Amino acid sequence: QAQKTFNTQLAQFQMDRETVSPPVRAMMVPATPRATVW
């Protein structure tokens, strides 16, 4: 849902025995709420 909503892709890897999923490209917000989202 997050990938689709923010038009991004999440990676997945292990870091200190934790699975982390950072975005690997810039996240985007559509025009309607964009002016509000900092």
PDB file of all heavy atoms in Angstrom:
ATOM      1  N   GLN A   1       0.834  -1.203   0.000  1.00  0.00           N
ATOM      2  CA  GLN A   1       0.000   0.000   0.000  1.00  0.00           C
ATOM      3  C   GLN A   1       0.871   1.256   0.000  1.00  0.00           C
ATOM      4  O   GLN A   1       0.589   2.212  -0.713  1.00  0.00           O
ATOM      5  CB  GLN A   1      -0.925   0.018   1.214  1.00  0.00           C
ATOM      6  CG  GLN A   1      -2.040  -0.985   1.144  1.00  0.00           C
ATOM      7  CD  GLN A   1      -2.747  -1.151   2.475  1.00  0.00           C
ATOM      8  OE1 GLN A   1      -2.128  -1.219   3.525  1.00  0.00           O
ATOM      9  NE2 GLN A   1      -4.068  -1.222   2.419  1.00  0.00           N
ATOM     10  N   ALA A   2       1.919   1.264   0.822  1.00  0.00           N
ATOM     11  CA  ALA A   2       2.797   2.432   0.900  1.00  0.00           C
ATOM     12  C   ALA A   2       3.503   2.671  -0.428  1.00  0.00           C
ATOM     13  O   ALA A   2       3.610   3.818  -0.885  1.00  0.00           O
ATOM     14  CB  ALA A   2       3.813   2.243   2.020  1.00  0.00           C
ATOM     15  N   GLN A   3       3.977   1.604  -1.067  1.00  0.00           N
ATOM     16  CA  GLN A   3       4.653   1.750  -2.358  1.00  0.00           C
ATOM     17  C   GLN A   3       3.716   2.350  -3.405  1.00  0.00           C
ATOM     18  O   GLN A   3       4.095   3.264  -4.134  1.00  0.00           O
ATOM     19  CB  GLN A   3       5.175   0.385  -2.851  1.00  0.00           C
ATOM     20  CG  GLN A   3       6.340  -0.111  -2.033  1.00  0.00           C
ATOM     21  CD  GLN A   3       6.834  -1.470  -2.482  1.00  0.00           C
ATOM     22  OE1 GLN A   3       7.975  -1.577  -2.901  1.00  0.00           O
ATOM     23  NE2 GLN A   3       5.992  -2.492  -2.410  1.00  0.00           N
ATOM     24  N   LYS A   4       2.500   1.845  -3.450  1.00  0.00           N
ATOM     25  CA  LYS A   4       1.531   2.349  -4.429  1.00  0.00           C
ATOM     26  C   LYS A   4       1.118   3.784  -4.110  1.00  0.00           C
ATOM     27  O   LYS A   4       1.076   4.638  -4.986  1.00  0.00           O
ATOM     28  CB  LYS A   4       0.302   1.438  -4.459  1.00  0.00           C
ATOM     29  CG  LYS A   4      -0.715   1.846  -5.491  1.00  0.00           C
ATOM     30  CD  LYS A   4      -1.875   0.881  -5.543  1.00  0.00           C
ATOM     31  CE  LYS A   4      -2.895   1.361  -6.575  1.00  0.00           C
ATOM     32  NZ  LYS A   4      -4.077   0.513  -6.582  1.00  0.00           N
ATOM     33  N   THR A   5       0.830   4.056  -2.848  1.00  0.00           N
ATOM     34  CA  THR A   5       0.354   5.373  -2.433  1.00  0.00           C
ATOM     35  C   THR A   5       1.377   6.465  -2.697  1.00  0.00           C
ATOM     36  O   THR A   5       1.022   7.564  -3.120  1.00  0.00           O
ATOM     37  CB  THR A   5      -0.020   5.353  -0.937  1.00  0.00           C
ATOM     38  OG1 THR A   5      -1.040   4.367  -0.748  1.00  0.00           O
ATOM     39  CG2 THR A   5      -0.516   6.702  -0.458  1.00  0.00           C
ATOM     40  N   PHE A   6       2.654   6.171  -2.447  1.00  0.00           N
ATOM     41  CA  PHE A   6       3.704   7.189  -2.574  1.00  0.00           C
ATOM     42  C   PHE A   6       4.605   6.962  -3.781  1.00  0.00           C
ATOM     43  O   PHE A   6       5.671   7.562  -3.885  1.00  0.00           O
ATOM     44  CB  PHE A   6       4.511   7.259  -1.280  1.00  0.00           C
ATOM     45  CG  PHE A   6       3.660   7.624  -0.097  1.00  0.00           C
ATOM     46  CD1 PHE A   6       3.538   6.762   0.977  1.00  0.00           C
ATOM     47  CD2 PHE A   6       2.947   8.814  -0.070  1.00  0.00           C
ATOM     48  CE1 PHE A   6       2.742   7.090   2.069  1.00  0.00           C
ATOM     49  CE2 PHE A   6       2.143   9.151   1.007  1.00  0.00           C
ATOM     50  CZ  PHE A   6       2.041   8.288   2.077  1.00  0.00           C
ATOM     51  N   ASN A   7       4.161   6.116  -4.713  1.00  0.00           N
ATOM     52  CA  ASN A   7       4.881   5.854  -5.957  1.00  0.00           C
ATOM     53  C   ASN A   7       6.378   5.642  -5.721  1.00  0.00           C
ATOM     54  O   ASN A   7       7.221   6.331  -6.281  1.00  0.00           O
ATOM     55  CB  ASN A   7       4.649   6.989  -6.962  1.00  0.00           C
ATOM     56  CG  ASN A   7       5.135   6.627  -8.343  1.00  0.00           C
ATOM     57  OD1 ASN A   7       5.126   5.456  -8.715  1.00  0.00           O
ATOM     58  ND2 ASN A   7       5.558   7.611  -9.094  1.00  0.00           N
ATOM     59  N   THR A   8       6.674   4.703  -4.851  1.00  0.00           N
ATOM     60  CA  THR A   8       8.061   4.407  -4.527  1.00  0.00           C
ATOM     61  C   THR A   8       8.277   2.905  -4.533  1.00  0.00           C
ATOM     62  O   THR A   8       7.357   2.137  -4.810  1.00  0.00           O
ATOM     63  CB  THR A   8       8.462   5.011  -3.163  1.00  0.00           C
ATOM     64  OG1 THR A   8       9.879   4.947  -3.027  1.00  0.00           O
ATOM     65  CG2 THR A   8       7.781   4.333  -1.998  1.00  0.00           C
ATOM     66  N   GLN A   9       9.481   2.508  -4.255  1.00  0.00           N
ATOM     67  CA  GLN A   9       9.820   1.091  -4.131  1.00  0.00           C
ATOM     68  C   GLN A   9      10.583   0.928  -2.824  1.00  0.00           C
ATOM     69  O   GLN A   9      11.466   1.723  -2.500  1.00  0.00           O
ATOM     70  CB  GLN A   9      10.689   0.646  -5.301  1.00  0.00           C
ATOM     71  CG  GLN A   9      11.066  -0.808  -5.251  1.00  0.00           C
ATOM     72  CD  GLN A   9      11.952  -1.180  -6.434  1.00  0.00           C
ATOM     73  OE1 GLN A   9      12.284  -0.365  -7.278  1.00  0.00           O
ATOM     74  NE2 GLN A   9      12.344  -2.434  -6.469  1.00  0.00           N
ATOM     75  N   LEU A  10      10.239  -0.101  -2.075  1.00  0.00           N
ATOM     76  CA  LEU A  10      10.912  -0.374  -0.815  1.00  0.00           C
ATOM     77  C   LEU A  10      11.892  -1.529  -0.995  1.00  0.00           C
ATOM     78  O   LEU A  10      11.551  -2.542  -1.590  1.00  0.00           O
ATOM     79  CB  LEU A  10       9.899  -0.732   0.283  1.00  0.00           C
ATOM     80  CG  LEU A  10       8.841   0.329   0.594  1.00  0.00           C
ATOM     81  CD1 LEU A  10       7.860  -0.196   1.617  1.00  0.00           C
ATOM     82  CD2 LEU A  10       9.474   1.619   1.059  1.00  0.00           C
ATOM     83  N   ALA A  11      13.086  -1.357  -0.483  1.00  0.00           N
ATOM     84  CA  ALA A  11      14.070  -2.444  -0.464  1.00  0.00           C
ATOM     85  C   ALA A  11      13.829  -3.244   0.811  1.00  0.00           C
ATOM     86  O   ALA A  11      13.066  -2.837   1.680  1.00  0.00           O
ATOM     87  CB  ALA A  11      15.475  -1.875  -0.465  1.00  0.00           C
ATOM     88  N   GLN A  12      14.487  -4.367   0.938  1.00  0.00           N
ATOM     89  CA  GLN A  12      14.391  -5.126   2.186  1.00  0.00           C
ATOM     90  C   GLN A  12      15.742  -5.786   2.435  1.00  0.00           C
ATOM     91  O   GLN A  12      16.273  -6.471   1.568  1.00  0.00           O
ATOM     92  CB  GLN A  12      13.299  -6.178   2.098  1.00  0.00           C
ATOM     93  CG  GLN A  12      12.981  -6.784   3.456  1.00  0.00           C
ATOM     94  CD  GLN A  12      11.773  -7.687   3.373  1.00  0.00           C
ATOM     95  OE1 GLN A  12      11.823  -8.740   2.770  1.00  0.00           O
ATOM     96  NE2 GLN A  12      10.685  -7.248   3.996  1.00  0.00           N
ATOM     97  N   PHE A  13      16.303  -5.510   3.622  1.00  0.00           N
ATOM     98  CA  PHE A  13      17.571  -6.126   3.967  1.00  0.00           C
ATOM     99  C   PHE A  13      17.705  -6.236   5.478  1.00  0.00           C
ATOM    100  O   PHE A  13      16.920  -5.660   6.230  1.00  0.00           O
ATOM    101  CB  PHE A  13      18.755  -5.371   3.347  1.00  0.00           C
ATOM    102  CG  PHE A  13      18.870  -3.931   3.757  1.00  0.00           C
ATOM    103  CD1 PHE A  13      19.635  -3.569   4.852  1.00  0.00           C
ATOM    104  CD2 PHE A  13      18.225  -2.945   3.043  1.00  0.00           C
ATOM    105  CE1 PHE A  13      19.742  -2.240   5.240  1.00  0.00           C
ATOM    106  CE2 PHE A  13      18.334  -1.612   3.421  1.00  0.00           C
ATOM    107  CZ  PHE A  13      19.098  -1.266   4.520  1.00  0.00           C
ATOM    108  N   GLN A  14      18.690  -6.984   5.913  1.00  0.00           N
ATOM    109  CA  GLN A  14      18.942  -7.203   7.337  1.00  0.00           C
ATOM    110  C   GLN A  14      19.953  -6.182   7.847  1.00  0.00           C
ATOM    111  O   GLN A  14      20.962  -5.923   7.197  1.00  0.00           O
ATOM    112  CB  GLN A  14      19.503  -8.608   7.569  1.00  0.00           C
ATOM    113  CG  GLN A  14      18.548  -9.721   7.217  1.00  0.00           C
ATOM    114  CD  GLN A  14      17.370  -9.779   8.173  1.00  0.00           C
ATOM    115  OE1 GLN A  14      17.516  -9.642   9.375  1.00  0.00           O
ATOM    116  NE2 GLN A  14      16.185  -9.982   7.627  1.00  0.00           N
ATOM    117  N   MET A  15      19.675  -5.630   9.016  1.00  0.00           N
ATOM    118  CA  MET A  15      20.587  -4.694   9.659  1.00  0.00           C
ATOM    119  C   MET A  15      20.506  -4.939  11.166  1.00  0.00           C
ATOM    120  O   MET A  15      19.442  -4.754  11.762  1.00  0.00           O
ATOM    121  CB  MET A  15      20.203  -3.246   9.332  1.00  0.00           C
ATOM    122  CG  MET A  15      21.195  -2.230   9.848  1.00  0.00           C
ATOM    123  SD  MET A  15      20.824  -0.577   9.245  1.00  0.00           S
ATOM    124  CE  MET A  15      19.748  -0.004  10.545  1.00  0.00           C
ATOM    125  N   ASP A  16      21.596  -5.388  11.738  1.00  0.00           N
ATOM    126  CA  ASP A  16      21.614  -5.677  13.179  1.00  0.00           C
ATOM    127  C   ASP A  16      20.472  -6.605  13.585  1.00  0.00           C
ATOM    128  O   ASP A  16      19.743  -6.339  14.527  1.00  0.00           O
ATOM    129  CB  ASP A  16      21.570  -4.388  14.003  1.00  0.00           C
ATOM    130  CG  ASP A  16      22.770  -3.503  13.774  1.00  0.00           C
ATOM    131  OD1 ASP A  16      23.873  -4.048  13.531  1.00  0.00           O
ATOM    132  OD2 ASP A  16      22.614  -2.271  13.823  1.00  0.00           O
ATOM    133  N   ARG A  17      20.294  -7.678  12.841  1.00  0.00           N
ATOM    134  CA  ARG A  17      19.264  -8.695  13.087  1.00  0.00           C
ATOM    135  C   ARG A  17      17.830  -8.192  12.919  1.00  0.00           C
ATOM    136  O   ARG A  17      16.885  -8.837  13.345  1.00  0.00           O
ATOM    137  CB  ARG A  17      19.442  -9.331  14.461  1.00  0.00           C
ATOM    138  CG  ARG A  17      20.708 -10.143  14.563  1.00  0.00           C
ATOM    139  CD  ARG A  17      20.722 -10.881  15.852  1.00  0.00           C
ATOM    140  NE  ARG A  17      22.005 -10.613  16.494  1.00  0.00           N
ATOM    141  CZ  ARG A  17      22.292 -10.923  17.727  1.00  0.00           C
ATOM    142  NH1 ARG A  17      21.406 -11.509  18.470  1.00  0.00           N
ATOM    143  NH2 ARG A  17      23.461 -10.649  18.222  1.00  0.00           N
ATOM    144  N   GLU A  18      17.672  -7.046  12.341  1.00  0.00           N
ATOM    145  CA  GLU A  18      16.345  -6.489  12.061  1.00  0.00           C
ATOM    146  C   GLU A  18      16.155  -6.450  10.548  1.00  0.00           C
ATOM    147  O   GLU A  18      17.097  -6.197   9.801  1.00  0.00           O
ATOM    148  CB  GLU A  18      16.236  -5.054  12.594  1.00  0.00           C
ATOM    149  CG  GLU A  18      16.382  -4.917  14.081  1.00  0.00           C
ATOM    150  CD  GLU A  18      15.066  -5.075  14.815  1.00  0.00           C
ATOM    151  OE1 GLU A  18      14.005  -5.093  14.172  1.00  0.00           O
ATOM    152  OE2 GLU A  18      15.110  -5.182  16.036  1.00  0.00           O
ATOM    153  N   THR A  19      14.942  -6.670  10.098  1.00  0.00           N
ATOM    154  CA  THR A  19      14.626  -6.481   8.693  1.00  0.00           C
ATOM    155  C   THR A  19      14.158  -5.049   8.518  1.00  0.00           C
ATOM    156  O   THR A  19      13.224  -4.615   9.195  1.00  0.00           O
ATOM    157  CB  THR A  19      13.517  -7.448   8.232  1.00  0.00           C
ATOM    158  OG1 THR A  19      13.966  -8.784   8.434  1.00  0.00           O
ATOM    159  CG2 THR A  19      13.182  -7.237   6.765  1.00  0.00           C
ATOM    160  N   VAL A  20      14.827  -4.312   7.658  1.00  0.00           N
ATOM    161  CA  VAL A  20      14.436  -2.920   7.400  1.00  0.00           C
ATOM    162  C   VAL A  20      14.010  -2.797   5.946  1.00  0.00           C
ATOM    163  O   VAL A  20      14.466  -3.548   5.084  1.00  0.00           O
ATOM    164  CB  VAL A  20      15.571  -1.926   7.736  1.00  0.00           C
ATOM    165  CG1 VAL A  20      15.858  -1.911   9.224  1.00  0.00           C
ATOM    166  CG2 VAL A  20      16.826  -2.249   6.959  1.00  0.00           C
ATOM    167  N   SER A  21      13.122  -1.849   5.679  1.00  0.00           N
ATOM    168  CA  SER A  21      12.563  -1.681   4.338  1.00  0.00           C
ATOM    169  C   SER A  21      12.541  -0.213   3.953  1.00  0.00           C
ATOM    170  O   SER A  21      11.480   0.413   3.894  1.00  0.00           O
ATOM    171  CB  SER A  21      11.146  -2.251   4.275  1.00  0.00           C
ATOM    172  OG  SER A  21      11.138  -3.604   4.613  1.00  0.00           O
ATOM    173  N   PRO A  22      13.704   0.373   3.677  1.00  0.00           N
ATOM    174  CA  PRO A  22      13.728   1.793   3.299  1.00  0.00           C
ATOM    175  C   PRO A  22      13.310   1.988   1.841  1.00  0.00           C
ATOM    176  O   PRO A  22      13.453   1.081   1.025  1.00  0.00           O
ATOM    177  CB  PRO A  22      15.192   2.172   3.485  1.00  0.00           C
ATOM    178  CG  PRO A  22      15.916   0.915   3.182  1.00  0.00           C
ATOM    179  CD  PRO A  22      15.041  -0.186   3.734  1.00  0.00           C
ATOM    180  N   PRO A  23      12.787   3.166   1.518  1.00  0.00           N
ATOM    181  CA  PRO A  23      12.486   3.458   0.116  1.00  0.00           C
ATOM    182  C   PRO A  23      13.790   3.600  -0.663  1.00  0.00           C
ATOM    183  O   PRO A  23      14.766   4.146  -0.143  1.00  0.00           O
ATOM    184  CB  PRO A  23      11.719   4.779   0.170  1.00  0.00           C
ATOM    185  CG  PRO A  23      11.950   5.340   1.519  1.00  0.00           C
ATOM    186  CD  PRO A  23      12.388   4.244   2.415  1.00  0.00           C
ATOM    187  N   VAL A  24      13.802   3.102  -1.893  1.00  0.00           N
ATOM    188  CA  VAL A  24      15.013   3.189  -2.715  1.00  0.00           C
ATOM    189  C   VAL A  24      14.888   4.246  -3.808  1.00  0.00           C
ATOM    190  O   VAL A  24      15.809   4.436  -4.581  1.00  0.00           O
ATOM    191  CB  VAL A  24      15.389   1.818  -3.331  1.00  0.00           C
ATOM    192  CG1 VAL A  24      15.801   0.849  -2.236  1.00  0.00           C
ATOM    193  CG2 VAL A  24      14.259   1.248  -4.159  1.00  0.00           C
ATOM    194  N   ARG A  25      13.773   4.912  -3.872  1.00  0.00           N
ATOM    195  CA  ARG A  25      13.634   6.074  -4.754  1.00  0.00           C
ATOM    196  C   ARG A  25      12.716   7.073  -4.060  1.00  0.00           C
ATOM    197  O   ARG A  25      11.972   6.724  -3.143  1.00  0.00           O
ATOM    198  CB  ARG A  25      13.138   5.686  -6.134  1.00  0.00           C
ATOM    199  CG  ARG A  25      11.744   5.176  -6.215  1.00  0.00           C
ATOM    200  CD  ARG A  25      11.332   4.970  -7.688  1.00  0.00           C
ATOM    201  NE  ARG A  25       9.936   4.622  -7.736  1.00  0.00           N
ATOM    202  CZ  ARG A  25       9.466   3.491  -8.216  1.00  0.00           C
ATOM    203  NH1 ARG A  25      10.281   2.580  -8.695  1.00  0.00           N
ATOM    204  NH2 ARG A  25       8.165   3.249  -8.227  1.00  0.00           N
ATOM    205  N   ALA A  26      12.790   8.296  -4.491  1.00  0.00           N
ATOM    206  CA  ALA A  26      12.033   9.377  -3.852  1.00  0.00           C
ATOM    207  C   ALA A  26      10.546   9.054  -3.789  1.00  0.00           C
ATOM    208  O   ALA A  26       9.980   8.506  -4.740  1.00  0.00           O
ATOM    209  CB  ALA A  26      12.248  10.680  -4.600  1.00  0.00           C
ATOM    210  N   MET A  27       9.935   9.376  -2.668  1.00  0.00           N
ATOM    211  CA  MET A  27       8.503   9.186  -2.508  1.00  0.00           C
ATOM    212  C   MET A  27       7.785  10.394  -3.099  1.00  0.00           C
ATOM    213  O   MET A  27       8.296  11.510  -3.061  1.00  0.00           O
ATOM    214  CB  MET A  27       8.164   9.032  -1.031  1.00  0.00           C
ATOM    215  CG  MET A  27       8.780   7.789  -0.426  1.00  0.00           C
ATOM    216  SD  MET A  27       8.475   7.644   1.336  1.00  0.00           S
ATOM    217  CE  MET A  27       9.628   8.848   1.976  1.00  0.00           C
ATOM    218  N   MET A  28       6.600  10.164  -3.641  1.00  0.00           N
ATOM    219  CA  MET A  28       5.833  11.234  -4.258  1.00  0.00           C
ATOM    220  C   MET A  28       4.437  11.295  -3.651  1.00  0.00           C
ATOM    221  O   MET A  28       3.878  10.265  -3.290  1.00  0.00           O
ATOM    222  CB  MET A  28       5.755  11.005  -5.761  1.00  0.00           C
ATOM    223  CG  MET A  28       7.115  10.980  -6.429  1.00  0.00           C
ATOM    224  SD  MET A  28       7.025  10.599  -8.181  1.00  0.00           S
ATOM    225  CE  MET A  28       6.229  12.058  -8.796  1.00  0.00           C
ATOM    226  N   VAL A  29       3.916  12.494  -3.573  1.00  0.00           N
ATOM    227  CA  VAL A  29       2.559  12.715  -3.080  1.00  0.00           C
ATOM    228  C   VAL A  29       1.786  13.399  -4.205  1.00  0.00           C
ATOM    229  O   VAL A  29       2.279  14.363  -4.784  1.00  0.00           O
ATOM    230  CB  VAL A  29       2.567  13.614  -1.815  1.00  0.00           C
ATOM    231  CG1 VAL A  29       1.154  13.923  -1.358  1.00  0.00           C
ATOM    232  CG2 VAL A  29       3.375  12.963  -0.710  1.00  0.00           C
ATOM    233  N   PRO A  30       0.583  12.926  -4.540  1.00  0.00           N
ATOM    234  CA  PRO A  30      -0.202  13.564  -5.601  1.00  0.00           C
ATOM    235  C   PRO A  30      -0.497  15.032  -5.299  1.00  0.00           C
ATOM    236  O   PRO A  30      -0.401  15.479  -4.155  1.00  0.00           O
ATOM    237  CB  PRO A  30      -1.499  12.750  -5.625  1.00  0.00           C
ATOM    238  CG  PRO A  30      -1.133  11.450  -5.016  1.00  0.00           C
ATOM    239  CD  PRO A  30      -0.072  11.760  -3.994  1.00  0.00           C
ATOM    240  N   ALA A  31      -0.861  15.756  -6.307  1.00  0.00           N
ATOM    241  CA  ALA A  31      -1.054  17.205  -6.208  1.00  0.00           C
ATOM    242  C   ALA A  31      -2.028  17.636  -5.118  1.00  0.00           C
ATOM    243  O   ALA A  31      -1.790  18.629  -4.437  1.00  0.00           O
ATOM    244  CB  ALA A  31      -1.505  17.760  -7.556  1.00  0.00           C
ATOM    245  N   THR A  32      -3.124  16.903  -4.913  1.00  0.00           N
ATOM    246  CA  THR A  32      -4.151  17.360  -3.978  1.00  0.00           C
ATOM    247  C   THR A  32      -3.623  17.582  -2.569  1.00  0.00           C
ATOM    248  O   THR A  32      -3.718  18.684  -2.073  1.00  0.00           O
ATOM    249  CB  THR A  32      -5.358  16.402  -3.963  1.00  0.00           C
ATOM    250  OG1 THR A  32      -5.886  16.341  -5.279  1.00  0.00           O
ATOM    251  CG2 THR A  32      -6.426  16.875  -3.018  1.00  0.00           C
ATOM    252  N   PRO A  33      -3.028  16.597  -1.896  1.00  0.00           N
ATOM    253  CA  PRO A  33      -2.532  16.903  -0.552  1.00  0.00           C
ATOM    254  C   PRO A  33      -1.094  17.420  -0.535  1.00  0.00           C
ATOM    255  O   PRO A  33      -0.579  17.784   0.506  1.00  0.00           O
ATOM    256  CB  PRO A  33      -2.630  15.567   0.180  1.00  0.00           C
ATOM    257  CG  PRO A  33      -2.474  14.539  -0.874  1.00  0.00           C
ATOM    258  CD  PRO A  33      -3.062  15.151  -2.123  1.00  0.00           C
ATOM    259  N   ARG A  34      -0.395  17.485  -1.690  1.00  0.00           N
ATOM    260  CA  ARG A  34       1.028  17.830  -1.715  1.00  0.00           C
ATOM    261  C   ARG A  34       1.333  19.185  -1.071  1.00  0.00           C
ATOM    262  O   ARG A  34       2.326  19.334  -0.383  1.00  0.00           O
ATOM    263  CB  ARG A  34       1.574  17.828  -3.140  1.00  0.00           C
ATOM    264  CG  ARG A  34       3.073  18.069  -3.165  1.00  0.00           C
ATOM    265  CD  ARG A  34       3.670  18.088  -4.550  1.00  0.00           C
ATOM    266  NE  ARG A  34       3.290  16.927  -5.312  1.00  0.00           N
ATOM    267  CZ  ARG A  34       3.002  16.945  -6.602  1.00  0.00           C
ATOM    268  NH1 ARG A  34       3.067  18.062  -7.280  1.00  0.00           N
ATOM    269  NH2 ARG A  34       2.647  15.842  -7.225  1.00  0.00           N
ATOM    270  N   ALA A  35       0.497  20.182  -1.284  1.00  0.00           N
ATOM    271  CA  ALA A  35       0.763  21.506  -0.728  1.00  0.00           C
ATOM    272  C   ALA A  35       0.799  21.487   0.790  1.00  0.00           C
ATOM    273  O   ALA A  35       1.419  22.334   1.416  1.00  0.00           O
ATOM    274  CB  ALA A  35      -0.291  22.497  -1.211  1.00  0.00           C
ATOM    275  N   THR A  36       0.162  20.518   1.392  1.00  0.00           N
ATOM    276  CA  THR A  36       0.099  20.411   2.846  1.00  0.00           C
ATOM    277  C   THR A  36       1.208  19.535   3.410  1.00  0.00           C
ATOM    278  O   THR A  36       1.662  19.747   4.527  1.00  0.00           O
ATOM    279  CB  THR A  36      -1.267  19.817   3.256  1.00  0.00           C
ATOM    280  OG1 THR A  36      -2.293  20.625   2.705  1.00  0.00           O
ATOM    281  CG2 THR A  36      -1.430  19.774   4.756  1.00  0.00           C
ATOM    282  N   VAL A  37       1.659  18.552   2.660  1.00  0.00           N
ATOM    283  CA  VAL A  37       2.638  17.575   3.152  1.00  0.00           C
ATOM    284  C   VAL A  37       4.035  18.163   3.076  1.00  0.00           C
ATOM    285  O   VAL A  37       4.525  18.504   2.001  1.00  0.00           O
ATOM    286  CB  VAL A  37       2.553  16.263   2.339  1.00  0.00           C
ATOM    287  CG1 VAL A  37       3.636  15.290   2.786  1.00  0.00           C
ATOM    288  CG2 VAL A  37       1.174  15.649   2.483  1.00  0.00           C
ATOM    289  N   TRP A  38       4.689  18.268   4.234  1.00  0.00           N
ATOM    290  CA  TRP A  38       6.050  18.802   4.293  1.00  0.00           C
ATOM    291  C   TRP A  38       7.080  17.688   4.221  1.00  0.00           C
ATOM    292  O   TRP A  38       8.169  17.868   3.716  1.00  0.00           O
ATOM    293  CB  TRP A  38       6.264  19.584   5.580  1.00  0.00           C
ATOM    294  CG  TRP A  38       5.399  20.789   5.716  1.00  0.00           C
ATOM    295  CD1 TRP A  38       4.802  21.505   4.712  1.00  0.00           C
ATOM    296  CD2 TRP A  38       5.011  21.429   6.919  1.00  0.00           C
ATOM    297  NE1 TRP A  38       4.069  22.539   5.220  1.00  0.00           N
ATOM    298  CE2 TRP A  38       4.187  22.520   6.586  1.00  0.00           C
ATOM    299  CE3 TRP A  38       5.279  21.187   8.257  1.00  0.00           C
ATOM    300  CZ2 TRP A  38       3.645  23.363   7.535  1.00  0.00           C
ATOM    301  CZ3 TRP A  38       4.731  22.031   9.195  1.00  0.00           C
ATOM    302  CH2 TRP A  38       3.928  23.107   8.840  1.00  0.00           C
TER     303      TRP A  38
END
